[in-house]
Amino acid sequence: MDSRQGVSVMIKVVIFFCFVIYSATPCIAEQSGKLPLWQVGASLGALSTPHYAGSDQRYNLPLVMPAIIYRGDRFRSRPDGLRGLLFMSENVVVDIGFGGLLPVYSSNNRARKGMPDIPLTGEIGPRLVIKLYGNGEGVDVLARVPWRVVGSIDGTTAGWTLAPDILITNIEKLPWGLSAYVSAGLKYGSSQYNDLTYGVDELYSAPSRPAYRAREGITSYSFMISAGRRFNNKFATRFFLHWQTLAGSIVADSPLVKTENDLSFGLWLTWYPWKSKSKQSDKHRLPEPEEDIGI
């Protein structure tokens, strides 16, 4: 898919999303400020994202998956990953997070043809969250600094990443009952982590793909906007756009970087038919808009 096709698909997805939001019955229940301890359901949607940052080829994937949210005092399960709370004060949180990245099969990627696949990877590590500003009406400004150790599915380590960002939220203060957030940040990787995606060993070099050894440093800068809405306290829809650029990054000169700018986007509808009667505790409620990021 070239850039013009990607923009065309994005426009169609945005139009569909706006139609869903506009045509739905405005039946949002009043929120008591406390969400259920857990919710279980399913998500249906679509995702379009590059094979890797800097790739000119994309994954266009349907999404059909279980949706599980747990809002415990010490453990959280959310659509964006798993977290365990280590420390919390009024404006500071330290937690530990888990995540992962999709594999890249070189047989399906022109730039990496003949090279080893990029394996499915998992990530784990601490994250610092600092509340910089809050107006008491839903708008918060947070600084988030996650540090993750990365490992491949075969058990070998693949370096580490640091991905600080600034998150601005505006929960349920927008037209049509939308909740939204925007974030801007960067990604910094160790030489081992960067080399996993952007390095080219001498064995796999070619006239159009010279040998390349990635160094430690900033690999990308990014901006994300996401908006969504709940319906009947059981249904939720969400749309996101994530833009990132490798311009000026430590890996911008890699022969595997085919475009310096790329866009990921997705839309999904989540149905939560089951939820607990008990509510989440105020004692360890994170100063982060999890109801905005999740349902």
Protein backbone atom coordinates (compact mmCIF):
# COMPACT_ATOMS: atom_id res chain seq x y z
CA MET A 1 0.00 0.00 0.00
CA ASP A 2 1.54 3.38 -1.05
CA SER A 3 1.09 6.62 0.85
CA ARG A 4 -1.86 7.78 -1.29
CA GLN A 5 -3.72 4.52 -0.75
CA GLY A 6 -2.97 4.74 2.97
CA VAL A 7 -4.42 8.25 3.17
CA SER A 8 -7.48 7.12 1.19
CA VAL A 9 -8.10 4.23 3.57
CA MET A 10 -7.58 6.53 6.56
CA ILE A 11 -10.17 9.00 5.25
CA LYS A 12 -12.71 6.21 4.74
CA VAL A 13 -12.10 4.92 8.26
CA VAL A 14 -12.53 8.42 9.72
CA ILE A 15 -15.80 8.91 7.80
CA PHE A 16 -17.11 5.57 9.03
CA PHE A 17 -16.09 6.39 12.59
CA CYS A 18 -17.85 9.76 12.45
CA PHE A 19 -20.98 8.08 11.08
CA VAL A 20 -20.99 5.60 13.97
CA ILE A 21 -20.58 8.39 16.51
CA TYR A 22 -23.18 10.68 14.92
CA SER A 23 -25.86 8.07 14.28
CA ALA A 24 -25.70 6.34 17.65
CA THR A 25 -28.38 7.12 20.22
CA PRO A 26 -27.07 9.52 22.86
CA CYS A 27 -27.64 7.22 25.80
CA ILE A 28 -24.52 7.65 27.89
CA ALA A 29 -25.14 6.84 31.51
CA GLU A 30 -23.94 9.23 34.17
CA GLN A 31 -20.59 8.17 35.51
CA SER A 32 -20.30 7.86 39.27
CA GLY A 33 -16.53 8.34 39.09
CA LYS A 34 -15.91 4.68 39.96
CA LEU A 35 -15.64 2.00 37.32
CA PRO A 36 -16.24 -1.76 37.76
CA LEU A 37 -13.37 -3.76 39.22
CA TRP A 38 -13.39 -5.92 36.09
CA GLN A 39 -15.06 -6.08 32.68
CA VAL A 40 -14.97 -8.88 30.12
CA GLY A 41 -16.05 -8.74 26.50
CA ALA A 42 -14.84 -8.77 22.90
CA SER A 43 -13.45 -6.27 20.38
CA LEU A 44 -14.04 -6.10 16.63
CA GLY A 45 -12.18 -3.68 14.38
CA ALA A 46 -9.31 -3.06 11.98
CA LEU A 47 -5.70 -1.91 12.25
CA SER A 48 -3.28 -0.57 9.64
CA THR A 49 0.35 -0.16 10.66
CA PRO A 50 3.81 -0.35 9.01
CA HIS A 51 5.78 -3.59 9.27
CA TYR A 52 8.21 -1.54 11.36
CA ALA A 53 8.93 2.18 11.77
CA GLY A 54 10.46 3.28 8.47
CA SER A 55 9.04 0.43 6.37
CA ASP A 56 7.12 1.22 3.19
CA GLN A 57 4.96 -1.89 3.59
CA ARG A 58 2.02 -2.31 5.93
CA TYR A 59 -0.02 -4.75 7.94
CA ASN A 60 -3.75 -4.33 7.32
CA LEU A 61 -5.30 -6.52 9.98
CA PRO A 62 -8.83 -7.32 11.11
CA LEU A 63 -9.12 -7.32 14.89
CA VAL A 64 -11.23 -9.93 16.64
CA MET A 65 -10.05 -10.50 20.17
CA PRO A 66 -11.17 -10.80 23.78
CA ALA A 67 -11.31 -7.60 25.82
CA ILE A 68 -10.41 -7.91 29.48
CA ILE A 69 -10.08 -5.02 31.91
CA TYR A 70 -9.10 -5.47 35.55
CA ARG A 71 -8.67 -2.47 37.84
CA GLY A 72 -7.16 -3.96 40.97
CA ASP A 73 -5.20 -2.17 43.65
CA ARG A 74 -1.86 -3.68 42.59
CA PHE A 75 -2.51 -5.16 39.16
CA ARG A 76 -4.13 -3.67 36.07
CA SER A 77 -5.12 -5.30 32.80
CA ARG A 78 -6.03 -2.89 30.02
CA PRO A 79 -6.28 -2.85 26.22
CA ASP A 80 -2.80 -1.33 26.00
CA GLY A 81 -1.11 -3.94 28.20
CA LEU A 82 -0.61 -5.30 31.71
CA ARG A 83 0.68 -3.26 34.64
CA GLY A 84 1.58 -3.82 38.25
CA LEU A 85 1.60 -0.91 40.69
CA LEU A 86 4.85 -0.45 42.63
CA PHE A 87 4.41 3.01 44.18
CA MET A 88 1.81 5.76 44.20
CA SER A 89 1.40 9.22 45.66
CA GLU A 90 -1.00 12.00 44.73
CA ASN A 91 0.94 13.04 41.64
CA VAL A 92 3.52 10.28 41.08
CA VAL A 93 3.11 6.64 40.10
CA VAL A 94 5.71 3.95 39.49
CA ASP A 95 4.43 0.77 37.90
CA ILE A 96 5.76 -2.15 35.91
CA GLY A 97 4.41 -2.83 32.45
CA PHE A 98 4.33 -5.65 29.94
CA GLY A 99 3.94 -5.43 26.18
CA GLY A 100 5.10 -6.77 22.85
CA LEU A 101 5.65 -6.12 19.14
CA LEU A 102 4.48 -7.94 16.03
CA PRO A 103 7.04 -10.06 14.14
CA VAL A 104 8.25 -9.12 10.66
CA TYR A 105 8.63 -11.99 8.19
CA SER A 106 11.39 -11.11 5.76
CA SER A 107 9.80 -13.16 2.99
CA ASN A 108 6.94 -10.62 3.01
CA ASN A 109 9.12 -7.51 3.23
CA ARG A 110 11.03 -6.29 0.17
CA ALA A 111 13.67 -4.36 2.10
CA ARG A 112 14.50 -7.39 4.28
CA LYS A 113 14.26 -10.11 1.62
CA GLY A 114 16.80 -12.84 2.35
CA MET A 115 17.46 -11.58 5.90
CA PRO A 116 16.42 -13.27 9.15
CA ASP A 117 12.92 -12.52 10.41
CA ILE A 118 12.38 -10.00 13.20
CA PRO A 119 10.91 -12.28 15.87
CA LEU A 120 7.89 -11.68 18.04
CA THR A 121 9.21 -9.73 21.02
CA GLY A 122 8.01 -9.08 24.54
CA GLU A 123 8.81 -6.12 26.78
CA ILE A 124 8.87 -5.65 30.54
CA GLY A 125 10.04 -2.84 32.76
CA PRO A 126 9.19 0.02 35.13
CA ARG A 127 7.40 3.22 34.21
CA LEU A 128 7.35 6.59 35.97
CA VAL A 129 4.18 8.71 35.63
CA ILE A 130 4.17 12.31 36.90
CA LYS A 131 1.05 14.47 36.92
CA LEU A 132 2.18 17.91 35.75
CA TYR A 133 -1.20 19.63 35.65
CA GLY A 134 -4.86 18.97 36.38
CA ASN A 135 -7.76 21.42 36.17
CA GLY A 136 -10.19 19.28 38.16
CA GLU A 137 -12.54 18.89 35.19
CA GLY A 138 -10.93 15.94 33.44
CA VAL A 139 -8.02 17.64 31.72
CA ASP A 140 -4.67 16.30 32.94
CA VAL A 141 -1.14 16.69 31.66
CA LEU A 142 1.07 13.70 32.45
CA ALA A 143 4.72 12.93 31.82
CA ARG A 144 5.30 9.19 31.30
CA VAL A 145 8.73 7.57 31.19
CA PRO A 146 8.66 3.80 30.50
CA TRP A 147 11.92 1.82 30.39
CA ARG A 148 11.61 -1.70 28.99
CA VAL A 149 13.90 -4.69 28.62
CA VAL A 150 13.13 -6.45 25.34
CA GLY A 151 13.32 -10.19 24.70
CA SER A 152 12.46 -12.37 21.72
CA ILE A 153 10.12 -15.34 21.84
CA ASP A 154 13.11 -17.75 21.91
CA GLY A 155 14.19 -16.30 25.26
CA THR A 156 17.14 -14.19 24.09
CA THR A 157 17.43 -10.56 25.12
CA ALA A 158 17.15 -7.85 22.49
CA GLY A 159 18.32 -4.76 24.35
CA TRP A 160 16.19 -2.07 25.94
CA THR A 161 14.07 0.97 25.09
CA LEU A 162 13.16 4.27 26.74
CA ALA A 163 10.00 5.96 25.41
CA PRO A 164 9.11 9.17 27.30
CA ASP A 165 6.04 11.12 26.27
CA ILE A 166 3.65 13.87 27.35
CA LEU A 167 -0.03 12.92 27.55
CA ILE A 168 -2.87 15.46 27.54
CA THR A 169 -6.36 14.21 28.32
CA ASN A 170 -9.85 15.62 28.08
CA ILE A 171 -12.28 13.00 29.33
CA GLU A 172 -15.92 13.27 28.16
CA LYS A 173 -15.76 17.03 27.60
CA LEU A 174 -16.05 16.95 23.80
CA PRO A 175 -19.06 17.00 21.40
CA TRP A 176 -21.07 13.78 20.91
CA GLY A 177 -19.91 12.48 24.29
CA LEU A 178 -16.41 11.80 23.00
CA SER A 179 -13.42 11.26 25.24
CA ALA A 180 -10.01 11.98 23.77
CA TYR A 181 -6.32 12.24 24.45
CA VAL A 182 -3.21 13.33 22.60
CA SER A 183 0.39 12.41 23.26
CA ALA A 184 3.78 13.36 21.89
CA GLY A 185 7.03 11.59 22.59
CA LEU A 186 10.15 9.86 21.35
CA LYS A 187 11.72 6.42 21.42
CA TYR A 188 15.32 5.78 22.46
CA GLY A 189 16.85 2.35 21.95
CA SER A 190 20.03 0.53 22.87
CA SER A 191 22.36 -0.46 20.04
CA GLN A 192 21.23 -4.08 20.35
CA TYR A 193 17.56 -3.14 20.16
CA ASN A 194 18.04 -0.78 17.21
CA ASP A 195 20.20 -3.31 15.38
CA LEU A 196 17.46 -5.94 15.62
CA THR A 197 15.31 -3.92 13.21
CA TYR A 198 17.71 -1.68 11.31
CA GLY A 199 21.03 -3.55 11.26
CA VAL A 200 22.33 -5.42 8.20
CA ASP A 201 25.04 -8.05 8.73
CA GLU A 202 27.76 -8.36 6.10
CA LEU A 203 26.37 -11.80 5.21
CA TYR A 204 23.07 -10.24 4.08
CA SER A 205 24.46 -7.12 2.41
CA ALA A 206 23.75 -6.36 -1.25
CA PRO A 207 24.43 -3.48 -3.67
CA SER A 208 21.12 -1.90 -2.69
CA ARG A 209 21.47 -2.91 0.96
CA PRO A 210 24.97 -2.23 2.33
CA ALA A 211 26.07 -3.60 5.69
CA TYR A 212 24.90 -1.41 8.54
CA ARG A 213 25.41 -1.46 12.28
CA ALA A 214 22.84 0.47 14.31
CA ARG A 215 23.95 2.60 17.24
CA GLU A 216 22.30 3.56 20.50
CA GLY A 217 20.11 6.65 20.29
CA ILE A 218 16.74 8.13 19.39
CA THR A 219 14.99 6.05 16.74
CA SER A 220 11.77 8.03 16.25
CA TYR A 221 9.54 10.90 17.33
CA SER A 222 5.79 10.38 17.50
CA PHE A 223 2.40 12.02 17.94
CA MET A 224 -0.88 10.24 18.69
CA ILE A 225 -4.50 11.30 18.89
CA SER A 226 -7.30 9.01 19.98
CA ALA A 227 -11.02 9.57 20.49
CA GLY A 228 -13.85 7.31 21.55
CA ARG A 229 -17.25 7.04 23.14
CA ARG A 230 -19.19 4.66 25.35
CA PHE A 231 -22.76 3.57 24.66
CA ASN A 232 -25.12 2.05 27.25
CA ASN A 233 -22.14 1.29 29.54
CA LYS A 234 -21.65 -1.92 27.53
CA PHE A 235 -20.44 -0.74 24.14
CA ALA A 236 -17.47 1.48 23.35
CA THR A 237 -15.89 2.60 20.10
CA ARG A 238 -12.44 4.10 19.64
CA PHE A 239 -10.33 5.47 16.82
CA PHE A 240 -6.67 6.42 16.84
CA LEU A 241 -4.04 7.98 14.59
CA HIS A 242 -0.35 7.52 15.36
CA TRP A 243 2.24 9.42 13.32
CA GLN A 244 5.96 8.90 13.72
CA THR A 245 9.04 10.21 11.98
CA LEU A 246 12.58 8.91 11.80
CA ALA A 247 13.93 12.19 10.40
CA GLY A 248 17.10 13.11 12.27
CA SER A 249 17.10 9.84 14.21
CA ILE A 250 20.11 7.62 14.84
CA VAL A 251 18.81 5.01 12.33
CA ALA A 252 17.62 7.35 9.57
CA ASP A 253 20.56 6.30 7.36
CA SER A 254 19.84 2.57 7.63
CA PRO A 255 19.26 0.93 4.22
CA LEU A 256 16.17 -0.69 5.75
CA VAL A 257 14.52 2.71 6.27
CA LYS A 258 12.41 3.31 3.16
CA THR A 259 10.34 6.21 4.45
CA GLU A 260 11.03 8.66 7.26
CA ASN A 261 7.35 9.26 8.04
CA ASP A 262 4.60 6.75 8.62
CA LEU A 263 1.09 6.58 9.98
CA SER A 264 -0.76 3.91 11.92
CA PHE A 265 -4.51 4.02 12.43
CA GLY A 266 -7.26 1.81 13.72
CA LEU A 267 -10.91 1.64 14.66
CA TRP A 268 -12.66 -0.87 16.88
CA LEU A 269 -15.93 -1.52 18.66
CA THR A 270 -15.82 -3.23 22.05
CA TRP A 271 -18.72 -4.98 23.77
CA TYR A 272 -18.55 -5.57 27.52
CA PRO A 273 -21.54 -7.75 28.51
CA TRP A 274 -20.01 -8.83 31.82
CA LYS A 275 -18.77 -6.66 34.66
CA SER A 276 -18.30 -6.92 38.40
CA LYS A 277 -20.69 -5.42 40.90
CA SER A 278 -17.78 -4.24 43.02
CA LYS A 279 -16.06 -1.01 42.01
CA GLN A 280 -12.41 -0.10 41.69
CA SER A 281 -10.75 1.21 44.83
CA ASP A 282 -9.94 4.90 45.20
CA LYS A 283 -6.89 3.97 47.23
CA HIS A 284 -4.77 3.08 44.23
CA ARG A 285 -6.51 4.85 41.43
CA LEU A 286 -3.88 5.92 38.93
CA PRO A 287 -3.72 9.60 37.95
CA GLU A 288 -4.07 8.49 34.34
CA PRO A 289 -7.18 8.38 32.12
CA GLU A 290 -7.51 4.62 31.91
CA GLU A 291 -11.22 4.89 31.15
CA ASP A 292 -10.20 7.07 28.20
CA ILE A 293 -7.44 4.75 27.01
CA GLY A 294 -9.53 1.64 27.56
CA ILE A 295 -13.30 1.76 27.42
